[in-house]
PDB file of N, CA and C in Angstrom:
ATOM      1  N   MET A   1     185.411 220.311 292.683  1.00  0.00           N
ATOM      2  CA  MET A   1     186.270 219.358 292.439  1.00  0.00           C
ATOM      3  C   MET A   1     185.379 218.231 291.718  1.00  0.00           C
ATOM      4  N   LYS A   2     186.047 217.640 290.735  1.00  0.00           N
ATOM      5  CA  LYS A   2     185.294 216.414 289.942  1.00  0.00           C
ATOM      6  C   LYS A   2     185.828 215.162 290.554  1.00  0.00           C
ATOM      7  N   VAL A   3     184.822 214.387 290.984  1.00  0.00           N
ATOM      8  CA  VAL A   3     185.154 213.112 291.674  1.00  0.00           C
ATOM      9  C   VAL A   3     184.584 212.016 290.916  1.00  0.00           C
ATOM     10  N   LEU A   4     185.334 210.916 290.790  1.00  0.00           N
ATOM     11  CA  LEU A   4     184.857 209.776 290.038  1.00  0.00           C
ATOM     12  C   LEU A   4     184.904 208.583 291.135  1.00  0.00           C
ATOM     13  N   LEU A   5     183.765 207.997 291.439  1.00  0.00           N
ATOM     14  CA  LEU A   5     183.601 206.928 292.402  1.00  0.00           C
ATOM     15  C   LEU A   5     183.367 205.568 291.607  1.00  0.00           C
ATOM     16  N   GLY A   6     184.448 204.595 291.749  1.00  0.00           N
ATOM     17  CA  GLY A   6     184.145 203.289 291.216  1.00  0.00           C
ATOM     18  C   GLY A   6     183.483 202.342 292.183  1.00  0.00           C
ATOM     19  N   ILE A   7     182.340 201.715 291.679  1.00  0.00           N
ATOM     20  CA  ILE A   7     181.694 200.871 292.622  1.00  0.00           C
ATOM     21  C   ILE A   7     181.430 199.465 291.795  1.00  0.00           C
ATOM     22  N   GLY A   8     181.741 198.486 292.502  1.00  0.00           N
ATOM     23  CA  GLY A   8     181.637 197.050 291.927  1.00  0.00           C
ATOM     24  C   GLY A   8     180.549 196.268 292.523  1.00  0.00           C
ATOM     25  N   GLY A   9     179.828 196.945 293.576  1.00  0.00           N
ATOM     26  CA  GLY A   9     178.767 196.129 294.315  1.00  0.00           C
ATOM     27  C   GLY A   9     179.190 195.501 295.561  1.00  0.00           C
ATOM     28  N   SER A  10     180.463 195.735 296.095  1.00  0.00           N
ATOM     29  CA  SER A  10     180.750 194.998 297.372  1.00  0.00           C
ATOM     30  C   SER A  10     180.211 195.835 298.520  1.00  0.00           C
ATOM     31  N   ASP A  11     180.225 195.330 299.647  1.00  0.00           N
ATOM     32  CA  ASP A  11     179.785 196.164 300.821  1.00  0.00           C
ATOM     33  C   ASP A  11     180.673 197.323 301.056  1.00  0.00           C
ATOM     34  N   GLY A  12     181.890 197.101 300.775  1.00  0.00           N
ATOM     35  CA  GLY A  12     182.883 198.244 300.903  1.00  0.00           C
ATOM     36  C   GLY A  12     182.530 199.338 299.903  1.00  0.00           C
ATOM     37  N   SER A  13     182.239 199.059 298.624  1.00  0.00           N
ATOM     38  CA  SER A  13     181.895 200.079 297.633  1.00  0.00           C
ATOM     39  C   SER A  13     180.691 200.930 298.186  1.00  0.00           C
ATOM     40  N   PHE A  14     179.746 200.264 298.696  1.00  0.00           N
ATOM     41  CA  PHE A  14     178.582 201.006 298.995  1.00  0.00           C
ATOM     42  C   PHE A  14     179.128 201.832 300.290  1.00  0.00           C
ATOM     43  N   GLU A  15     179.871 201.498 301.174  1.00  0.00           N
ATOM     44  CA  GLU A  15     180.283 202.391 302.327  1.00  0.00           C
ATOM     45  C   GLU A  15     181.224 203.513 301.567  1.00  0.00           C
ATOM     46  N   ALA A  16     181.932 203.217 300.607  1.00  0.00           N
ATOM     47  CA  ALA A  16     182.677 204.394 299.956  1.00  0.00           C
ATOM     48  C   ALA A  16     181.726 205.279 299.168  1.00  0.00           C
ATOM     49  N   LEU A  17     180.506 204.843 298.800  1.00  0.00           N
ATOM     50  CA  LEU A  17     179.453 205.730 298.257  1.00  0.00           C
ATOM     51  C   LEU A  17     179.019 206.668 299.227  1.00  0.00           C
ATOM     52  N   ALA A  18     178.667 206.167 300.582  1.00  0.00           N
ATOM     53  CA  ALA A  18     178.173 206.909 301.639  1.00  0.00           C
ATOM     54  C   ALA A  18     179.272 207.946 302.107  1.00  0.00           C
ATOM     55  N   ASP A  19     180.440 207.549 302.151  1.00  0.00           N
ATOM     56  CA  ASP A  19     181.574 208.473 302.534  1.00  0.00           C
ATOM     57  C   ASP A  19     181.782 209.564 301.427  1.00  0.00           C
ATOM     58  N   THR A  20     181.855 209.282 300.139  1.00  0.00           N
ATOM     59  CA  THR A  20     182.045 210.144 299.164  1.00  0.00           C
ATOM     60  C   THR A  20     180.877 210.980 299.033  1.00  0.00           C
ATOM     61  N   VAL A  21     179.735 210.636 299.199  1.00  0.00           N
ATOM     62  CA  VAL A  21     178.446 211.536 298.986  1.00  0.00           C
ATOM     63  C   VAL A  21     178.546 212.703 300.192  1.00  0.00           C
ATOM     64  N   THR A  22     178.986 212.177 301.414  1.00  0.00           N
ATOM     65  CA  THR A  22     178.846 213.004 302.443  1.00  0.00           C
ATOM     66  C   THR A  22     179.955 214.093 302.341  1.00  0.00           C
ATOM     67  N   ARG A  23     181.181 213.750 301.916  1.00  0.00           N
ATOM     68  CA  ARG A  23     182.160 214.588 301.656  1.00  0.00           C
ATOM     69  C   ARG A  23     181.767 215.593 300.581  1.00  0.00           C
ATOM     70  N   ALA A  24     181.148 215.163 299.493  1.00  0.00           N
ATOM     71  CA  ALA A  24     180.802 215.958 298.332  1.00  0.00           C
ATOM     72  C   ALA A  24     179.797 216.880 298.721  1.00  0.00           C
ATOM     73  N   GLU A  25     178.819 216.443 299.514  1.00  0.00           N
ATOM     74  CA  GLU A  25     177.869 217.575 299.840  1.00  0.00           C
ATOM     75  C   GLU A  25     178.443 218.676 300.702  1.00  0.00           C
ATOM     76  N   GLU A  26     179.362 218.234 301.481  1.00  0.00           N
ATOM     77  CA  GLU A  26     180.080 219.250 302.372  1.00  0.00           C
ATOM     78  C   GLU A  26     180.904 220.175 301.623  1.00  0.00           C
ATOM     79  N   ALA A  27     181.505 219.679 300.505  1.00  0.00           N
ATOM     80  CA  ALA A  27     182.568 220.400 299.856  1.00  0.00           C
ATOM     81  C   ALA A  27     181.939 220.950 298.495  1.00  0.00           C
ATOM     82  N   GLY A  28     180.912 220.682 298.080  1.00  0.00           N
ATOM     83  CA  GLY A  28     180.260 221.113 296.903  1.00  0.00           C
ATOM     84  C   GLY A  28     180.796 220.385 295.575  1.00  0.00           C
ATOM     85  N   ASP A  29     181.303 219.215 295.737  1.00  0.00           N
ATOM     86  CA  ASP A  29     181.996 218.393 294.642  1.00  0.00           C
ATOM     87  C   ASP A  29     181.025 217.779 293.804  1.00  0.00           C
ATOM     88  N   ALA A  30     181.451 217.731 292.441  1.00  0.00           N
ATOM     89  CA  ALA A  30     180.496 217.006 291.485  1.00  0.00           C
ATOM     90  C   ALA A  30     181.108 215.591 291.461  1.00  0.00           C
ATOM     91  N   VAL A  31     179.963 214.624 291.638  1.00  0.00           N
ATOM     92  CA  VAL A  31     180.304 213.220 291.720  1.00  0.00           C
ATOM     93  C   VAL A  31     179.721 212.473 290.563  1.00  0.00           C
ATOM     94  N   THR A  32     180.610 211.645 289.954  1.00  0.00           N
ATOM     95  CA  THR A  32     180.141 210.559 288.912  1.00  0.00           C
ATOM     96  C   THR A  32     180.377 209.277 289.549  1.00  0.00           C
ATOM     97  N   VAL A  33     179.429 208.406 289.330  1.00  0.00           N
ATOM     98  CA  VAL A  33     179.506 207.036 289.922  1.00  0.00           C
ATOM     99  C   VAL A  33     179.645 206.155 288.677  1.00  0.00           C
ATOM    100  N   ALA A  34     180.814 205.312 288.702  1.00  0.00           N
ATOM    101  CA  ALA A  34     181.105 204.318 287.602  1.00  0.00           C
ATOM    102  C   ALA A  34     180.882 202.882 288.122  1.00  0.00           C
ATOM    103  N   ILE A  35     179.806 202.234 287.592  1.00  0.00           N
ATOM    104  CA  ILE A  35     179.636 200.864 287.946  1.00  0.00           C
ATOM    105  C   ILE A  35     180.462 199.896 287.098  1.00  0.00           C
ATOM    106  N   VAL A  36     181.332 199.114 287.770  1.00  0.00           N
ATOM    107  CA  VAL A  36     182.084 198.258 286.912  1.00  0.00           C
ATOM    108  C   VAL A  36     181.588 196.892 287.207  1.00  0.00           C
ATOM    109  N   ASP A  37     181.869 196.010 286.164  1.00  0.00           N
ATOM    110  CA  ASP A  37     181.378 194.669 286.203  1.00  0.00           C
ATOM    111  C   ASP A  37     182.528 193.768 286.865  1.00  0.00           C
ATOM    112  N   ARG A  38     182.116 193.111 287.977  1.00  0.00           N
ATOM    113  CA  ARG A  38     182.941 192.355 288.748  1.00  0.00           C
ATOM    114  C   ARG A  38     182.483 190.954 288.784  1.00  0.00           C
ATOM    115  N   GLU A  39     183.329 189.941 288.384  1.00  0.00           N
ATOM    116  CA  GLU A  39     182.973 188.480 288.328  1.00  0.00           C
ATOM    117  C   GLU A  39     182.646 187.856 289.850  1.00  0.00           C
ATOM    118  N   ASP A  40     183.290 188.486 290.736  1.00  0.00           N
ATOM    119  CA  ASP A  40     183.290 188.010 292.006  1.00  0.00           C
ATOM    120  C   ASP A  40     181.983 188.589 293.024  1.00  0.00           C
ATOM    121  N   ILE A  41     181.133 189.330 292.210  1.00  0.00           N
ATOM    122  CA  ILE A  41     180.103 189.929 292.769  1.00  0.00           C
ATOM    123  C   ILE A  41     178.804 189.395 292.114  1.00  0.00           C
ATOM    124  N   THR A  42     177.710 188.856 292.948  1.00  0.00           N
ATOM    125  CA  THR A  42     176.573 188.284 292.521  1.00  0.00           C
ATOM    126  C   THR A  42     175.572 189.287 292.086  1.00  0.00           C
ATOM    127  N   LEU A  43     175.585 190.586 292.446  1.00  0.00           N
ATOM    128  CA  LEU A  43     174.650 191.710 292.027  1.00  0.00           C
ATOM    129  C   LEU A  43     174.996 191.967 290.540  1.00  0.00           C
ATOM    130  N   THR A  44     173.928 192.202 289.664  1.00  0.00           N
ATOM    131  CA  THR A  44     174.044 192.647 288.320  1.00  0.00           C
ATOM    132  C   THR A  44     174.230 194.142 288.330  1.00  0.00           C
ATOM    133  N   PRO A  45     174.898 194.764 287.231  1.00  0.00           N
ATOM    134  CA  PRO A  45     175.003 196.166 287.258  1.00  0.00           C
ATOM    135  C   PRO A  45     173.773 197.006 287.528  1.00  0.00           C
ATOM    136  N   GLU A  46     172.651 196.359 286.994  1.00  0.00           N
ATOM    137  CA  GLU A  46     171.360 197.043 287.081  1.00  0.00           C
ATOM    138  C   GLU A  46     170.900 196.983 288.571  1.00  0.00           C
ATOM    139  N   GLU A  47     171.160 195.856 289.327  1.00  0.00           N
ATOM    140  CA  GLU A  47     170.859 195.788 290.707  1.00  0.00           C
ATOM    141  C   GLU A  47     171.667 196.857 291.437  1.00  0.00           C
ATOM    142  N   ILE A  48     173.004 197.015 291.127  1.00  0.00           N
ATOM    143  CA  ILE A  48     173.873 197.911 291.819  1.00  0.00           C
ATOM    144  C   ILE A  48     173.403 199.237 291.665  1.00  0.00           C
ATOM    145  N   GLU A  49     173.025 199.692 290.297  1.00  0.00           N
ATOM    146  CA  GLU A  49     172.386 200.991 290.201  1.00  0.00           C
ATOM    147  C   GLU A  49     171.123 201.242 290.972  1.00  0.00           C
ATOM    148  N   THR A  50     170.379 200.282 291.042  1.00  0.00           N
ATOM    149  CA  THR A  50     169.122 200.463 291.937  1.00  0.00           C
ATOM    150  C   THR A  50     169.488 200.752 293.481  1.00  0.00           C
ATOM    151  N   GLU A  51     170.353 199.946 293.763  1.00  0.00           N
ATOM    152  CA  GLU A  51     170.960 200.155 295.151  1.00  0.00           C
ATOM    153  C   GLU A  51     171.384 201.470 295.454  1.00  0.00           C
ATOM    154  N   ILE A  52     172.122 202.071 294.403  1.00  0.00           N
ATOM    155  CA  ILE A  52     172.854 203.374 294.510  1.00  0.00           C
ATOM    156  C   ILE A  52     171.722 204.386 294.541  1.00  0.00           C
ATOM    157  N   ARG A  53     170.968 204.275 293.616  1.00  0.00           N
ATOM    158  CA  ARG A  53     169.710 205.300 293.550  1.00  0.00           C
ATOM    159  C   ARG A  53     168.801 205.323 295.015  1.00  0.00           C
ATOM    160  N   GLU A  54     168.648 204.142 295.446  1.00  0.00           N
ATOM    161  CA  GLU A  54     167.875 203.974 296.886  1.00  0.00           C
ATOM    162  C   GLU A  54     168.755 204.852 297.912  1.00  0.00           C
ATOM    163  N   ARG A  55     169.954 204.577 297.850  1.00  0.00           N
ATOM    164  CA  ARG A  55     170.888 205.241 298.893  1.00  0.00           C
ATOM    165  C   ARG A  55     170.962 206.729 298.709  1.00  0.00           C
ATOM    166  N   LEU A  56     170.915 207.100 297.425  1.00  0.00           N
ATOM    167  CA  LEU A  56     171.183 208.587 297.219  1.00  0.00           C
ATOM    168  C   LEU A  56     169.918 209.204 297.305  1.00  0.00           C
ATOM    169  N   ALA A  57     168.704 208.653 297.408  1.00  0.00           N
ATOM    170  CA  ALA A  57     167.355 209.126 297.531  1.00  0.00           C
ATOM    171  C   ALA A  57     167.308 210.063 298.858  1.00  0.00           C
ATOM    172  N   GLU A  58     168.080 209.519 299.930  1.00  0.00           N
ATOM    173  CA  GLU A  58     168.102 210.162 301.305  1.00  0.00           C
ATOM    174  C   GLU A  58     169.058 211.410 301.231  1.00  0.00           C
ATOM    175  N   THR A  59     169.724 211.822 300.010  1.00  0.00           N
ATOM    176  CA  THR A  59     170.654 212.890 299.962  1.00  0.00           C
ATOM    177  C   THR A  59     170.198 213.920 299.073  1.00  0.00           C
ATOM    178  N   SER A  60     170.984 214.918 298.862  1.00  0.00           N
ATOM    179  CA  SER A  60     170.638 215.995 297.901  1.00  0.00           C
ATOM    180  C   SER A  60     171.541 215.587 296.624  1.00  0.00           C
ATOM    181  N   MET A  61     172.238 214.657 296.457  1.00  0.00           N
ATOM    182  CA  MET A  61     173.136 214.286 295.360  1.00  0.00           C
ATOM    183  C   MET A  61     172.343 213.655 294.215  1.00  0.00           C
ATOM    184  N   GLU A  62     172.631 213.826 293.135  1.00  0.00           N
ATOM    185  CA  GLU A  62     172.064 213.296 291.870  1.00  0.00           C
ATOM    186  C   GLU A  62     173.290 213.211 290.972  1.00  0.00           C
ATOM    187  N   PRO A  63     174.193 212.170 291.301  1.00  0.00           N
ATOM    188  CA  PRO A  63     175.407 212.050 290.468  1.00  0.00           C
ATOM    189  C   PRO A  63     175.077 211.319 288.994  1.00  0.00           C
ATOM    190  N   ASP A  64     175.837 211.664 288.162  1.00  0.00           N
ATOM    191  CA  ASP A  64     175.788 210.876 286.830  1.00  0.00           C
ATOM    192  C   ASP A  64     176.280 209.603 287.240  1.00  0.00           C
ATOM    193  N   ILE A  65     175.488 208.548 286.626  1.00  0.00           N
ATOM    194  CA  ILE A  65     175.768 207.073 286.877  1.00  0.00           C
ATOM    195  C   ILE A  65     176.174 206.456 285.538  1.00  0.00           C
ATOM    196  N   ARG A  66     177.338 205.807 285.483  1.00  0.00           N
ATOM    197  CA  ARG A  66     177.779 205.265 284.319  1.00  0.00           C
ATOM    198  C   ARG A  66     177.937 203.769 284.504  1.00  0.00           C
ATOM    199  N   HIS A  67     177.842 202.982 283.489  1.00  0.00           N
ATOM    200  CA  HIS A  67     178.177 201.598 283.380  1.00  0.00           C
ATOM    201  C   HIS A  67     179.428 201.371 282.675  1.00  0.00           C
ATOM    202  N   LEU A  68     180.564 200.674 283.126  1.00  0.00           N
ATOM    203  CA  LEU A  68     181.582 200.516 282.365  1.00  0.00           C
ATOM    204  C   LEU A  68     181.814 198.999 282.227  1.00  0.00           C
ATOM    205  N   SER A  69     182.163 198.644 281.048  1.00  0.00           N
ATOM    206  CA  SER A  69     182.508 197.231 280.763  1.00  0.00           C
ATOM    207  C   SER A  69     183.995 197.039 280.372  1.00  0.00           C
ATOM    208  N   GLY A  70     184.423 195.708 280.516  1.00  0.00           N
ATOM    209  CA  GLY A  70     185.851 195.536 280.217  1.00  0.00           C
ATOM    210  C   GLY A  70     186.499 195.344 281.476  1.00  0.00           C
ATOM    211  N   HIS A  71     187.923 195.517 281.586  1.00  0.00           N
ATOM    212  CA  HIS A  71     188.714 195.360 282.791  1.00  0.00           C
ATOM    213  C   HIS A  71     188.280 196.605 283.602  1.00  0.00           C
ATOM    214  N   PRO A  72     187.863 196.219 284.805  1.00  0.00           N
ATOM    215  CA  PRO A  72     187.367 197.427 285.790  1.00  0.00           C
ATOM    216  C   PRO A  72     188.411 198.345 285.992  1.00  0.00           C
ATOM    217  N   GLY A  73     189.616 197.868 286.291  1.00  0.00           N
ATOM    218  CA  GLY A  73     190.659 198.816 286.676  1.00  0.00           C
ATOM    219  C   GLY A  73     191.055 199.762 285.494  1.00  0.00           C
ATOM    220  N   SER A  74     191.372 199.171 284.347  1.00  0.00           N
ATOM    221  CA  SER A  74     191.726 200.134 283.140  1.00  0.00           C
ATOM    222  C   SER A  74     190.577 200.843 282.725  1.00  0.00           C
ATOM    223  N   ARG A  75     189.365 200.527 282.824  1.00  0.00           N
ATOM    224  CA  ARG A  75     188.207 201.383 282.422  1.00  0.00           C
ATOM    225  C   ARG A  75     188.156 202.534 283.386  1.00  0.00           C
ATOM    226  N   LEU A  76     188.157 202.417 284.671  1.00  0.00           N
ATOM    227  CA  LEU A  76     188.150 203.493 285.462  1.00  0.00           C
ATOM    228  C   LEU A  76     189.427 204.469 285.412  1.00  0.00           C
ATOM    229  N   VAL A  77     190.611 203.950 285.229  1.00  0.00           N
ATOM    230  CA  VAL A  77     191.759 204.759 284.771  1.00  0.00           C
ATOM    231  C   VAL A  77     191.415 205.774 283.754  1.00  0.00           C
ATOM    232  N   GLU A  78     191.062 204.981 282.675  1.00  0.00           N
ATOM    233  CA  GLU A  78     190.860 205.577 281.285  1.00  0.00           C
ATOM    234  C   GLU A  78     189.756 206.759 281.368  1.00  0.00           C
ATOM    235  N   LEU A  79     188.622 206.374 282.059  1.00  0.00           N
ATOM    236  CA  LEU A  79     187.616 207.416 282.247  1.00  0.00           C
ATOM    237  C   LEU A  79     188.113 208.619 283.075  1.00  0.00           C
ATOM    238  N   ALA A  80     188.755 208.378 284.176  1.00  0.00           N
ATOM    239  CA  ALA A  80     189.316 209.402 285.055  1.00  0.00           C
ATOM    240  C   ALA A  80     190.250 210.319 284.219  1.00  0.00           C
ATOM    241  N   GLU A  81     191.106 209.637 283.308  1.00  0.00           N
ATOM    242  CA  GLU A  81     192.078 210.562 282.601  1.00  0.00           C
ATOM    243  C   GLU A  81     191.338 211.288 281.443  1.00  0.00           C
ATOM    244  N   GLN A  82     190.459 210.552 280.709  1.00  0.00           N
ATOM    245  CA  GLN A  82     189.860 211.152 279.621  1.00  0.00           C
ATOM    246  C   GLN A  82     188.947 212.396 279.924  1.00  0.00           C
ATOM    247  N   GLU A  83     188.285 212.340 281.120  1.00  0.00           N
ATOM    248  CA  GLU A  83     187.310 213.300 281.660  1.00  0.00           C
ATOM    249  C   GLU A  83     187.928 214.244 282.526  1.00  0.00           C
ATOM    250  N   GLN A  84     189.297 214.107 282.905  1.00  0.00           N
ATOM    251  CA  GLN A  84     189.839 215.058 283.630  1.00  0.00           C
ATOM    252  C   GLN A  84     189.265 215.218 285.058  1.00  0.00           C
ATOM    253  N   PHE A  85     189.077 213.906 285.683  1.00  0.00           N
ATOM    254  CA  PHE A  85     188.428 213.884 287.060  1.00  0.00           C
ATOM    255  C   PHE A  85     189.680 214.334 287.949  1.00  0.00           C
ATOM    256  N   ASP A  86     189.313 215.089 289.054  1.00  0.00           N
ATOM    257  CA  ASP A  86     190.273 215.499 290.085  1.00  0.00           C
ATOM    258  C   ASP A  86     190.754 214.503 291.024  1.00  0.00           C
ATOM    259  N   ARG A  87     189.836 213.505 291.339  1.00  0.00           N
ATOM    260  CA  ARG A  87     189.947 212.431 292.279  1.00  0.00           C
ATOM    261  C   ARG A  87     189.272 211.110 291.880  1.00  0.00           C
ATOM    262  N   LEU A  88     189.712 209.957 292.131  1.00  0.00           N
ATOM    263  CA  LEU A  88     189.228 208.776 291.807  1.00  0.00           C
ATOM    264  C   LEU A  88     189.182 207.985 293.108  1.00  0.00           C
ATOM    265  N   VAL A  89     187.891 207.628 293.393  1.00  0.00           N
ATOM    266  CA  VAL A  89     187.643 207.015 294.823  1.00  0.00           C
ATOM    267  C   VAL A  89     187.435 205.523 294.479  1.00  0.00           C
ATOM    268  N   VAL A  90     187.907 204.701 295.177  1.00  0.00           N
ATOM    269  CA  VAL A  90     187.706 203.160 295.024  1.00  0.00           C
ATOM    270  C   VAL A  90     187.749 202.602 296.591  1.00  0.00           C
ATOM    271  N   ALA A  91     186.984 201.469 296.805  1.00  0.00           N
ATOM    272  CA  ALA A  91     187.129 200.744 298.027  1.00  0.00           C
ATOM    273  C   ALA A  91     187.998 199.452 297.864  1.00  0.00           C
ATOM    274  N   GLY A  92     188.364 199.066 298.969  1.00  0.00           N
ATOM    275  CA  GLY A  92     189.145 197.752 298.947  1.00  0.00           C
ATOM    276  C   GLY A  92     190.174 197.718 299.788  1.00  0.00           C
ATOM    277  N   GLY A  93     190.933 196.645 299.756  1.00  0.00           N
ATOM    278  CA  GLY A  93     192.013 196.358 300.663  1.00  0.00           C
ATOM    279  C   GLY A  93     191.526 195.741 302.014  1.00  0.00           C
ATOM    280  N   GLU A  94     192.296 194.607 302.232  1.00  0.00           N
ATOM    281  CA  GLU A  94     192.054 193.850 303.369  1.00  0.00           C
ATOM    282  C   GLU A  94     193.476 193.495 304.002  1.00  0.00           C
ATOM    283  N   ARG A  95     193.288 193.473 305.491  1.00  0.00           N
ATOM    284  CA  ARG A  95     194.513 193.372 306.181  1.00  0.00           C
ATOM    285  C   ARG A  95     194.903 191.763 306.314  1.00  0.00           C
ATOM    286  N   SER A  96     196.056 191.421 306.176  1.00  0.00           N
ATOM    287  CA  SER A  96     196.434 189.972 306.185  1.00  0.00           C
ATOM    288  C   SER A  96     196.661 189.794 307.743  1.00  0.00           C
ATOM    289  N   PRO A  97     196.810 188.566 308.006  1.00  0.00           N
ATOM    290  CA  PRO A  97     197.091 188.224 309.463  1.00  0.00           C
ATOM    291  C   PRO A  97     198.414 188.938 310.136  1.00  0.00           C
ATOM    292  N   LEU A  98     199.347 189.352 309.091  1.00  0.00           N
ATOM    293  CA  LEU A  98     200.547 189.950 309.429  1.00  0.00           C
ATOM    294  C   LEU A  98     200.405 191.470 309.489  1.00  0.00           C
ATOM    295  N   GLY A  99     199.138 191.879 309.318  1.00  0.00           N
ATOM    296  CA  GLY A  99     198.810 193.415 309.248  1.00  0.00           C
ATOM    297  C   GLY A  99     199.255 194.177 307.984  1.00  0.00           C
ATOM    298  N   LYS A 100     199.577 193.512 306.827  1.00  0.00           N
ATOM    299  CA  LYS A 100     199.727 194.104 305.617  1.00  0.00           C
ATOM    300  C   LYS A 100     198.452 194.259 304.788  1.00  0.00           C
ATOM    301  N   ILE A 101     198.316 195.303 304.094  1.00  0.00           N
ATOM    302  CA  ILE A 101     197.053 195.438 303.180  1.00  0.00           C
ATOM    303  C   ILE A 101     197.340 194.652 301.886  1.00  0.00           C
ATOM    304  N   ASN A 102     196.311 193.822 301.734  1.00  0.00           N
ATOM    305  CA  ASN A 102     196.277 193.074 300.408  1.00  0.00           C
ATOM    306  C   ASN A 102     195.237 193.753 299.403  1.00  0.00           C
ATOM    307  N   PHE A 103     195.642 193.917 298.141  1.00  0.00           N
ATOM    308  CA  PHE A 103     194.769 194.423 297.190  1.00  0.00           C
ATOM    309  C   PHE A 103     194.337 193.438 296.127  1.00  0.00           C
ATOM    310  N   ASP A 104     193.094 193.613 295.649  1.00  0.00           N
ATOM    311  CA  ASP A 104     192.815 192.601 294.624  1.00  0.00           C
ATOM    312  C   ASP A 104     193.293 193.200 293.244  1.00  0.00           C
ATOM    313  N   GLU A 105     193.088 192.528 292.128  1.00  0.00           N
ATOM    314  CA  GLU A 105     193.715 192.847 290.959  1.00  0.00           C
ATOM    315  C   GLU A 105     193.298 194.308 290.435  1.00  0.00           C
ATOM    316  N   THR A 106     191.943 194.568 290.424  1.00  0.00           N
ATOM    317  CA  THR A 106     191.444 195.848 290.187  1.00  0.00           C
ATOM    318  C   THR A 106     192.037 197.066 290.901  1.00  0.00           C
ATOM    319  N   LEU A 107     192.007 196.886 292.246  1.00  0.00           N
ATOM    320  CA  LEU A 107     192.513 197.963 293.083  1.00  0.00           C
ATOM    321  C   LEU A 107     194.023 198.247 292.828  1.00  0.00           C
ATOM    322  N   GLU A 108     194.859 197.075 292.560  1.00  0.00           N
ATOM    323  CA  GLU A 108     196.199 197.187 292.400  1.00  0.00           C
ATOM    324  C   GLU A 108     196.386 197.909 291.080  1.00  0.00           C
ATOM    325  N   PHE A 109     195.611 197.653 290.051  1.00  0.00           N
ATOM    326  CA  PHE A 109     195.851 198.194 288.779  1.00  0.00           C
ATOM    327  C   PHE A 109     195.561 199.781 288.948  1.00  0.00           C
ATOM    328  N   VAL A 110     194.434 200.299 289.511  1.00  0.00           N
ATOM    329  CA  VAL A 110     194.139 201.576 289.740  1.00  0.00           C
ATOM    330  C   VAL A 110     195.217 202.245 290.518  1.00  0.00           C
ATOM    331  N   LEU A 111     195.800 201.601 291.484  1.00  0.00           N
ATOM    332  CA  LEU A 111     196.709 202.406 292.255  1.00  0.00           C
ATOM    333  C   LEU A 111     198.106 202.516 291.563  1.00  0.00           C
ATOM    334  N   LEU A 112     198.454 201.687 290.794  1.00  0.00           N
ATOM    335  CA  LEU A 112     199.646 201.629 289.944  1.00  0.00           C
ATOM    336  C   LEU A 112     199.724 202.419 288.701  1.00  0.00           C
ATOM    337  N   ASN A 113     198.484 202.563 288.193  1.00  0.00           N
ATOM    338  CA  ASN A 113     198.525 203.244 286.818  1.00  0.00           C
ATOM    339  C   ASN A 113     197.645 204.582 286.741  1.00  0.00           C
ATOM    340  N   ALA A 114     196.989 204.889 287.688  1.00  0.00           N
ATOM    341  CA  ALA A 114     196.143 206.106 287.576  1.00  0.00           C
ATOM    342  C   ALA A 114     197.079 207.318 287.860  1.00  0.00           C
ATOM    343  N   GLU A 115     197.019 208.293 286.907  1.00  0.00           N
ATOM    344  CA  GLU A 115     197.536 209.592 287.039  1.00  0.00           C
ATOM    345  C   GLU A 115     196.743 210.633 287.888  1.00  0.00           C
ATOM    346  N   THR A 116     195.670 210.226 287.980  1.00  0.00           N
ATOM    347  CA  THR A 116     194.588 211.097 288.774  1.00  0.00           C
ATOM    348  C   THR A 116     194.751 210.566 290.323  1.00  0.00           C
ATOM    349  N   THR A 117     194.626 211.580 291.267  1.00  0.00           N
ATOM    350  CA  THR A 117     194.693 211.279 292.548  1.00  0.00           C
ATOM    351  C   THR A 117     193.805 210.061 293.009  1.00  0.00           C
ATOM    352  N   VAL A 118     194.116 209.149 293.682  1.00  0.00           N
ATOM    353  CA  VAL A 118     193.239 208.064 294.222  1.00  0.00           C
ATOM    354  C   VAL A 118     193.070 207.994 295.578  1.00  0.00           C
ATOM    355  N   THR A 119     191.816 207.934 296.033  1.00  0.00           N
ATOM    356  CA  THR A 119     191.522 207.838 297.382  1.00  0.00           C
ATOM    357  C   THR A 119     190.923 206.496 297.657  1.00  0.00           C
ATOM    358  N   LEU A 120     191.552 205.821 298.595  1.00  0.00           N
ATOM    359  CA  LEU A 120     191.133 204.467 298.950  1.00  0.00           C
ATOM    360  C   LEU A 120     190.406 204.369 300.134  1.00  0.00           C
ATOM    361  N   VAL A 121     189.094 203.917 300.130  1.00  0.00           N
ATOM    362  CA  VAL A 121     188.207 203.752 301.166  1.00  0.00           C
ATOM    363  C   VAL A 121     188.171 202.240 301.765  1.00  0.00           C
ATOM    364  N   ARG A 122     188.715 202.058 302.964  1.00  0.00           N
ATOM    365  CA  ARG A 122     188.648 200.912 303.568  1.00  0.00           C
ATOM    366  C   ARG A 122     187.734 200.639 304.791  1.00  0.00           C
TER     367      ARG A 122
END
């Protein structure tokens, strides 16, 4: 299975990296990591890539790492469809005081527009 993991540099996205890599190693999936530029994150894309490589050093995975510019949601959806990924993995979603899940703009765009199966890691 071809898996595309979108990472924006949040703690949740690094947790999604760990979950995705663990599952991919068990299932023999091919993983591509797409670093998206997020205005709400202080890490630069280069710092995010360094963190990804450090975390992956402890595994047997050597995924393709790409940098995407532009609107994060639309760029992830475009890449997933153009390269025919089987699954698109993203992190996000927070519970409101009433127990509902709130999505940021990027996550909402991906969930509403992706034709590829989307896995949400919370």
